[in-house]
Amino acid sequence: MTDQTEASSPSVVPLTEDDPEQAPPKDKGLWRDLVAYWILGLCNNYGYVVMLTAAHDILKELEGTMTTTVKVFR
């Protein structure tokens, strides 16, 4: 068998400085990450707001019943 180097192989093409493949890749994932972080933050806060609203409604109902059932003796 003959010894073939990578330079003589037809599947290996040397890159030049003008080749766009040689340019550093742009960070396309930054915006995707920021949008995902924002959306997941909203989803996280949704449950918190629902629980606080429900607790507020429950306390409102208890306040109304407590003021009518409490009798003050003098």
PDB file of N, CA and C in Angstrom:
ATOM      1  N   MET A   1       0.836  -1.183   0.000  1.00  0.00           N
ATOM      2  CA  MET A   1       0.000   0.000   0.000  1.00  0.00           C
ATOM      3  C   MET A   1       0.876   1.239   0.000  1.00  0.00           C
ATOM      4  N   THR A   2       0.363   2.248  -0.625  1.00  0.00           N
ATOM      5  CA  THR A   2       1.113   3.498  -0.681  1.00  0.00           C
ATOM      6  C   THR A   2       0.700   4.376   0.482  1.00  0.00           C
ATOM      7  N   ASP A   3       1.625   5.184   0.946  1.00  0.00           N
ATOM      8  CA  ASP A   3       1.366   6.079   2.074  1.00  0.00           C
ATOM      9  C   ASP A   3       0.783   7.383   1.546  1.00  0.00           C
ATOM     10  N   GLN A   4      -0.478   7.649   1.880  1.00  0.00           N
ATOM     11  CA  GLN A   4      -1.116   8.881   1.418  1.00  0.00           C
ATOM     12  C   GLN A   4      -1.227   9.841   2.600  1.00  0.00           C
ATOM     13  N   THR A   5      -0.888  11.065   2.368  1.00  0.00           N
ATOM     14  CA  THR A   5      -1.030  12.087   3.408  1.00  0.00           C
ATOM     15  C   THR A   5      -2.373  12.768   3.245  1.00  0.00           C
ATOM     16  N   GLU A   6      -2.766  13.502   4.259  1.00  0.00           N
ATOM     17  CA  GLU A   6      -4.060  14.178   4.213  1.00  0.00           C
ATOM     18  C   GLU A   6      -4.125  15.236   3.118  1.00  0.00           C
ATOM     19  N   ALA A   7      -3.017  15.859   2.809  1.00  0.00           N
ATOM     20  CA  ALA A   7      -3.009  16.912   1.787  1.00  0.00           C
ATOM     21  C   ALA A   7      -3.300  16.342   0.408  1.00  0.00           C
ATOM     22  N   SER A   8      -2.888  15.119   0.155  1.00  0.00           N
ATOM     23  CA  SER A   8      -3.129  14.546  -1.159  1.00  0.00           C
ATOM     24  C   SER A   8      -4.496  13.868  -1.257  1.00  0.00           C
ATOM     25  N   SER A   9      -5.181  13.737  -0.156  1.00  0.00           N
ATOM     26  CA  SER A   9      -6.497  13.111  -0.165  1.00  0.00           C
ATOM     27  C   SER A   9      -7.498  14.056  -0.830  1.00  0.00           C
ATOM     28  N   PRO A  10      -8.350  13.555  -1.727  1.00  0.00           N
ATOM     29  CA  PRO A  10      -9.300  14.423  -2.414  1.00  0.00           C
ATOM     30  C   PRO A  10     -10.428  14.910  -1.496  1.00  0.00           C
ATOM     31  N   SER A  11     -10.648  14.241  -0.346  1.00  0.00           N
ATOM     32  CA  SER A  11     -11.741  14.658   0.532  1.00  0.00           C
ATOM     33  C   SER A  11     -11.335  15.784   1.476  1.00  0.00           C
ATOM     34  N   VAL A  12     -10.057  16.057   1.594  1.00  0.00           N
ATOM     35  CA  VAL A  12      -9.589  17.125   2.480  1.00  0.00           C
ATOM     36  C   VAL A  12      -9.272  18.351   1.642  1.00  0.00           C
ATOM     37  N   VAL A  13      -9.958  19.446   1.958  1.00  0.00           N
ATOM     38  CA  VAL A  13      -9.753  20.689   1.229  1.00  0.00           C
ATOM     39  C   VAL A  13      -9.156  21.696   2.194  1.00  0.00           C
ATOM     40  N   PRO A  14      -8.017  22.260   1.872  1.00  0.00           N
ATOM     41  CA  PRO A  14      -7.425  23.242   2.789  1.00  0.00           C
ATOM     42  C   PRO A  14      -8.276  24.520   2.837  1.00  0.00           C
ATOM     43  N   LEU A  15      -8.419  25.071   4.035  1.00  0.00           N
ATOM     44  CA  LEU A  15      -9.199  26.290   4.221  1.00  0.00           C
ATOM     45  C   LEU A  15      -8.311  27.507   4.027  1.00  0.00           C
ATOM     46  N   THR A  16      -8.855  28.500   3.417  1.00  0.00           N
ATOM     47  CA  THR A  16      -8.121  29.749   3.231  1.00  0.00           C
ATOM     48  C   THR A  16      -8.666  30.785   4.195  1.00  0.00           C
ATOM     49  N   GLU A  17      -8.013  31.921   4.293  1.00  0.00           N
ATOM     50  CA  GLU A  17      -8.446  32.978   5.201  1.00  0.00           C
ATOM     51  C   GLU A  17      -9.770  33.592   4.761  1.00  0.00           C
ATOM     52  N   ASP A  18     -10.073  33.543   3.462  1.00  0.00           N
ATOM     53  CA  ASP A  18     -11.315  34.121   2.953  1.00  0.00           C
ATOM     54  C   ASP A  18     -12.497  33.162   3.059  1.00  0.00           C
ATOM     55  N   ASP A  19     -12.262  31.981   3.523  1.00  0.00           N
ATOM     56  CA  ASP A  19     -13.326  30.980   3.595  1.00  0.00           C
ATOM     57  C   ASP A  19     -14.285  31.320   4.748  1.00  0.00           C
ATOM     58  N   PRO A  20     -15.595  31.393   4.491  1.00  0.00           N
ATOM     59  CA  PRO A  20     -16.548  31.722   5.562  1.00  0.00           C
ATOM     60  C   PRO A  20     -16.637  30.644   6.629  1.00  0.00           C
ATOM     61  N   GLU A  21     -16.253  29.420   6.295  1.00  0.00           N
ATOM     62  CA  GLU A  21     -16.278  28.350   7.291  1.00  0.00           C
ATOM     63  C   GLU A  21     -15.220  28.552   8.362  1.00  0.00           C
ATOM     64  N   GLN A  22     -14.183  29.293   8.038  1.00  0.00           N
ATOM     65  CA  GLN A  22     -13.088  29.527   8.974  1.00  0.00           C
ATOM     66  C   GLN A  22     -13.446  30.624   9.987  1.00  0.00           C
ATOM     67  N   ALA A  23     -14.413  31.458   9.688  1.00  0.00           N
ATOM     68  CA  ALA A  23     -14.794  32.557  10.578  1.00  0.00           C
ATOM     69  C   ALA A  23     -15.368  31.988  11.875  1.00  0.00           C
ATOM     70  N   PRO A  24     -15.144  32.687  12.982  1.00  0.00           N
ATOM     71  CA  PRO A  24     -15.697  32.194  14.248  1.00  0.00           C
ATOM     72  C   PRO A  24     -17.222  32.200  14.211  1.00  0.00           C
ATOM     73  N   PRO A  25     -17.853  31.191  14.791  1.00  0.00           N
ATOM     74  CA  PRO A  25     -19.321  31.122  14.747  1.00  0.00           C
ATOM     75  C   PRO A  25     -19.955  32.222  15.594  1.00  0.00           C
ATOM     76  N   LYS A  26     -21.073  32.732  15.095  1.00  0.00           N
ATOM     77  CA  LYS A  26     -21.805  33.748  15.846  1.00  0.00           C
ATOM     78  C   LYS A  26     -22.641  33.063  16.918  1.00  0.00           C
ATOM     79  N   ASP A  27     -22.838  33.742  18.028  1.00  0.00           N
ATOM     80  CA  ASP A  27     -23.604  33.172  19.131  1.00  0.00           C
ATOM     81  C   ASP A  27     -25.087  33.410  18.888  1.00  0.00           C
ATOM     82  N   LYS A  28     -25.734  32.480  18.204  1.00  0.00           N
ATOM     83  CA  LYS A  28     -27.158  32.607  17.898  1.00  0.00           C
ATOM     84  C   LYS A  28     -28.011  32.153  19.072  1.00  0.00           C
ATOM     85  N   GLY A  29     -27.430  31.437  20.008  1.00  0.00           N
ATOM     86  CA  GLY A  29     -28.195  30.904  21.117  1.00  0.00           C
ATOM     87  C   GLY A  29     -28.445  31.900  22.231  1.00  0.00           C
ATOM     88  N   LEU A  30     -27.817  33.067  22.197  1.00  0.00           N
ATOM     89  CA  LEU A  30     -27.966  34.030  23.284  1.00  0.00           C
ATOM     90  C   LEU A  30     -29.400  34.530  23.388  1.00  0.00           C
ATOM     91  N   TRP A  31     -29.978  34.953  22.259  1.00  0.00           N
ATOM     92  CA  TRP A  31     -31.358  35.446  22.294  1.00  0.00           C
ATOM     93  C   TRP A  31     -32.322  34.334  22.671  1.00  0.00           C
ATOM     94  N   ARG A  32     -32.084  33.157  22.157  1.00  0.00           N
ATOM     95  CA  ARG A  32     -32.939  32.017  22.493  1.00  0.00           C
ATOM     96  C   ARG A  32     -32.895  31.736  23.994  1.00  0.00           C
ATOM     97  N   ASP A  33     -31.702  31.796  24.574  1.00  0.00           N
ATOM     98  CA  ASP A  33     -31.562  31.556  26.007  1.00  0.00           C
ATOM     99  C   ASP A  33     -32.257  32.634  26.826  1.00  0.00           C
ATOM    100  N   LEU A  34     -32.116  33.884  26.413  1.00  0.00           N
ATOM    101  CA  LEU A  34     -32.748  34.980  27.153  1.00  0.00           C
ATOM    102  C   LEU A  34     -34.277  34.902  27.078  1.00  0.00           C
ATOM    103  N   VAL A  35     -34.796  34.590  25.912  1.00  0.00           N
ATOM    104  CA  VAL A  35     -36.254  34.477  25.765  1.00  0.00           C
ATOM    105  C   VAL A  35     -36.776  33.288  26.573  1.00  0.00           C
ATOM    106  N   ALA A  36     -36.079  32.169  26.527  1.00  0.00           N
ATOM    107  CA  ALA A  36     -36.490  30.997  27.298  1.00  0.00           C
ATOM    108  C   ALA A  36     -36.446  31.286  28.791  1.00  0.00           C
ATOM    109  N   TYR A  37     -35.416  31.997  29.243  1.00  0.00           N
ATOM    110  CA  TYR A  37     -35.290  32.361  30.660  1.00  0.00           C
ATOM    111  C   TYR A  37     -36.466  33.242  31.085  1.00  0.00           C
ATOM    112  N   TRP A  38     -36.846  34.191  30.233  1.00  0.00           N
ATOM    113  CA  TRP A  38     -37.941  35.115  30.542  1.00  0.00           C
ATOM    114  C   TRP A  38     -39.277  34.365  30.587  1.00  0.00           C
ATOM    115  N   ILE A  39     -39.517  33.496  29.617  1.00  0.00           N
ATOM    116  CA  ILE A  39     -40.775  32.744  29.567  1.00  0.00           C
ATOM    117  C   ILE A  39     -40.880  31.790  30.755  1.00  0.00           C
ATOM    118  N   LEU A  40     -39.803  31.084  31.066  1.00  0.00           N
ATOM    119  CA  LEU A  40     -39.836  30.178  32.211  1.00  0.00           C
ATOM    120  C   LEU A  40     -39.993  30.938  33.522  1.00  0.00           C
ATOM    121  N   GLY A  41     -39.458  32.139  33.609  1.00  0.00           N
ATOM    122  CA  GLY A  41     -39.655  32.964  34.796  1.00  0.00           C
ATOM    123  C   GLY A  41     -41.113  33.361  34.958  1.00  0.00           C
ATOM    124  N   LEU A  42     -41.776  33.691  33.850  1.00  0.00           N
ATOM    125  CA  LEU A  42     -43.205  34.009  33.920  1.00  0.00           C
ATOM    126  C   LEU A  42     -44.019  32.798  34.350  1.00  0.00           C
ATOM    127  N   CYS A  43     -43.679  31.635  33.823  1.00  0.00           N
ATOM    128  CA  CYS A  43     -44.390  30.410  34.218  1.00  0.00           C
ATOM    129  C   CYS A  43     -44.177  30.120  35.693  1.00  0.00           C
ATOM    130  N   ASN A  44     -42.994  30.370  36.192  1.00  0.00           N
ATOM    131  CA  ASN A  44     -42.699  30.144  37.599  1.00  0.00           C
ATOM    132  C   ASN A  44     -43.512  31.097  38.479  1.00  0.00           C
ATOM    133  N   ASN A  45     -43.643  32.332  38.079  1.00  0.00           N
ATOM    134  CA  ASN A  45     -44.370  33.310  38.875  1.00  0.00           C
ATOM    135  C   ASN A  45     -45.882  33.122  38.783  1.00  0.00           C
ATOM    136  N   TYR A  46     -46.368  32.458  37.749  1.00  0.00           N
ATOM    137  CA  TYR A  46     -47.803  32.260  37.569  1.00  0.00           C
ATOM    138  C   TYR A  46     -48.400  31.491  38.748  1.00  0.00           C
ATOM    139  N   GLY A  47     -47.788  30.399  39.126  1.00  0.00           N
ATOM    140  CA  GLY A  47     -48.276  29.609  40.256  1.00  0.00           C
ATOM    141  C   GLY A  47     -48.232  30.392  41.558  1.00  0.00           C
ATOM    142  N   TYR A  48     -47.189  31.175  41.733  1.00  0.00           N
ATOM    143  CA  TYR A  48     -47.046  31.998  42.939  1.00  0.00           C
ATOM    144  C   TYR A  48     -48.182  33.013  43.035  1.00  0.00           C
ATOM    145  N   VAL A  49     -48.506  33.664  41.946  1.00  0.00           N
ATOM    146  CA  VAL A  49     -49.573  34.669  41.936  1.00  0.00           C
ATOM    147  C   VAL A  49     -50.927  34.010  42.189  1.00  0.00           C
ATOM    148  N   VAL A  50     -51.155  32.848  41.608  1.00  0.00           N
ATOM    149  CA  VAL A  50     -52.421  32.146  41.816  1.00  0.00           C
ATOM    150  C   VAL A  50     -52.578  31.770  43.287  1.00  0.00           C
ATOM    151  N   MET A  51     -51.516  31.255  43.899  1.00  0.00           N
ATOM    152  CA  MET A  51     -51.597  30.872  45.312  1.00  0.00           C
ATOM    153  C   MET A  51     -51.819  32.081  46.219  1.00  0.00           C
ATOM    154  N   LEU A  52     -51.135  33.178  45.936  1.00  0.00           N
ATOM    155  CA  LEU A  52     -51.330  34.374  46.755  1.00  0.00           C
ATOM    156  C   LEU A  52     -52.738  34.940  46.610  1.00  0.00           C
ATOM    157  N   THR A  53     -53.274  34.903  45.399  1.00  0.00           N
ATOM    158  CA  THR A  53     -54.633  35.392  45.175  1.00  0.00           C
ATOM    159  C   THR A  53     -55.647  34.513  45.902  1.00  0.00           C
ATOM    160  N   ALA A  54     -55.453  33.213  45.834  1.00  0.00           N
ATOM    161  CA  ALA A  54     -56.358  32.295  46.532  1.00  0.00           C
ATOM    162  C   ALA A  54     -56.266  32.499  48.041  1.00  0.00           C
ATOM    163  N   ALA A  55     -55.073  32.677  48.569  1.00  0.00           N
ATOM    164  CA  ALA A  55     -54.908  32.907  50.002  1.00  0.00           C
ATOM    165  C   ALA A  55     -55.574  34.219  50.408  1.00  0.00           C
ATOM    166  N   HIS A  56     -55.458  35.225  49.572  1.00  0.00           N
ATOM    167  CA  HIS A  56     -56.095  36.520  49.860  1.00  0.00           C
ATOM    168  C   HIS A  56     -57.620  36.365  49.894  1.00  0.00           C
ATOM    169  N   ASP A  57     -58.171  35.622  48.954  1.00  0.00           N
ATOM    170  CA  ASP A  57     -59.621  35.391  48.926  1.00  0.00           C
ATOM    171  C   ASP A  57     -60.087  34.602  50.142  1.00  0.00           C
ATOM    172  N   ILE A  58     -59.313  33.603  50.541  1.00  0.00           N
ATOM    173  CA  ILE A  58     -59.676  32.809  51.716  1.00  0.00           C
ATOM    174  C   ILE A  58     -59.651  33.675  52.970  1.00  0.00           C
ATOM    175  N   LEU A  59     -58.632  34.494  53.109  1.00  0.00           N
ATOM    176  CA  LEU A  59     -58.551  35.376  54.287  1.00  0.00           C
ATOM    177  C   LEU A  59     -59.686  36.388  54.298  1.00  0.00           C
ATOM    178  N   LYS A  60     -60.075  36.859  53.132  1.00  0.00           N
ATOM    179  CA  LYS A  60     -61.195  37.798  53.040  1.00  0.00           C
ATOM    180  C   LYS A  60     -62.477  37.147  53.545  1.00  0.00           C
ATOM    181  N   GLU A  61     -62.706  35.887  53.135  1.00  0.00           N
ATOM    182  CA  GLU A  61     -63.899  35.164  53.581  1.00  0.00           C
ATOM    183  C   GLU A  61     -63.866  34.922  55.086  1.00  0.00           C
ATOM    184  N   LEU A  62     -62.706  34.576  55.610  1.00  0.00           N
ATOM    185  CA  LEU A  62     -62.588  34.334  57.048  1.00  0.00           C
ATOM    186  C   LEU A  62     -62.780  35.621  57.837  1.00  0.00           C
ATOM    187  N   GLU A  63     -62.298  36.721  57.331  1.00  0.00           N
ATOM    188  CA  GLU A  63     -62.476  38.013  57.998  1.00  0.00           C
ATOM    189  C   GLU A  63     -63.952  38.354  58.098  1.00  0.00           C
ATOM    190  N   GLY A  64     -64.699  38.120  57.042  1.00  0.00           N
ATOM    191  CA  GLY A  64     -66.123  38.427  57.022  1.00  0.00           C
ATOM    192  C   GLY A  64     -66.894  37.571  58.003  1.00  0.00           C
ATOM    193  N   THR A  65     -66.551  36.299  58.134  1.00  0.00           N
ATOM    194  CA  THR A  65     -67.271  35.420  59.054  1.00  0.00           C
ATOM    195  C   THR A  65     -66.848  35.654  60.494  1.00  0.00           C
ATOM    196  N   MET A  66     -65.616  36.022  60.702  1.00  0.00           N
ATOM    197  CA  MET A  66     -65.135  36.229  62.065  1.00  0.00           C
ATOM    198  C   MET A  66     -65.747  37.484  62.677  1.00  0.00           C
ATOM    199  N   THR A  67     -65.959  38.525  61.915  1.00  0.00           N
ATOM    200  CA  THR A  67     -66.506  39.748  62.468  1.00  0.00           C
ATOM    201  C   THR A  67     -67.997  39.611  62.796  1.00  0.00           C
ATOM    202  N   THR A  68     -68.689  38.730  62.108  1.00  0.00           N
ATOM    203  CA  THR A  68     -70.120  38.557  62.377  1.00  0.00           C
ATOM    204  C   THR A  68     -70.370  37.567  63.518  1.00  0.00           C
ATOM    205  N   THR A  69     -69.441  36.635  63.778  1.00  0.00           N
ATOM    206  CA  THR A  69     -69.675  35.624  64.814  1.00  0.00           C
ATOM    207  C   THR A  69     -69.081  36.006  66.152  1.00  0.00           C
ATOM    208  N   VAL A  70     -68.211  36.969  66.192  1.00  0.00           N
ATOM    209  CA  VAL A  70     -67.572  37.367  67.455  1.00  0.00           C
ATOM    210  C   VAL A  70     -68.513  38.312  68.187  1.00  0.00           C
ATOM    211  N   LYS A  71     -68.804  37.959  69.456  1.00  0.00           N
ATOM    212  CA  LYS A  71     -69.664  38.809  70.269  1.00  0.00           C
ATOM    213  C   LYS A  71     -68.819  39.434  71.370  1.00  0.00           C
ATOM    214  N   VAL A  72     -69.050  40.683  71.575  1.00  0.00           N
ATOM    215  CA  VAL A  72     -68.310  41.404  72.594  1.00  0.00           C
ATOM    216  C   VAL A  72     -69.220  41.569  73.802  1.00  0.00           C
ATOM    217  N   PHE A  73     -68.777  41.089  74.966  1.00  0.00           N
ATOM    218  CA  PHE A  73     -69.545  41.221  76.189  1.00  0.00           C
ATOM    219  C   PHE A  73     -68.987  42.365  77.016  1.00  0.00           C
ATOM    220  N   ARG A  74     -69.877  43.198  77.559  1.00  0.00           N
ATOM    221  CA  ARG A  74     -69.434  44.316  78.402  1.00  0.00           C
ATOM    222  C   ARG A  74     -69.943  44.183  79.778  1.00  0.00           C
TER     223      ARG A  74
END
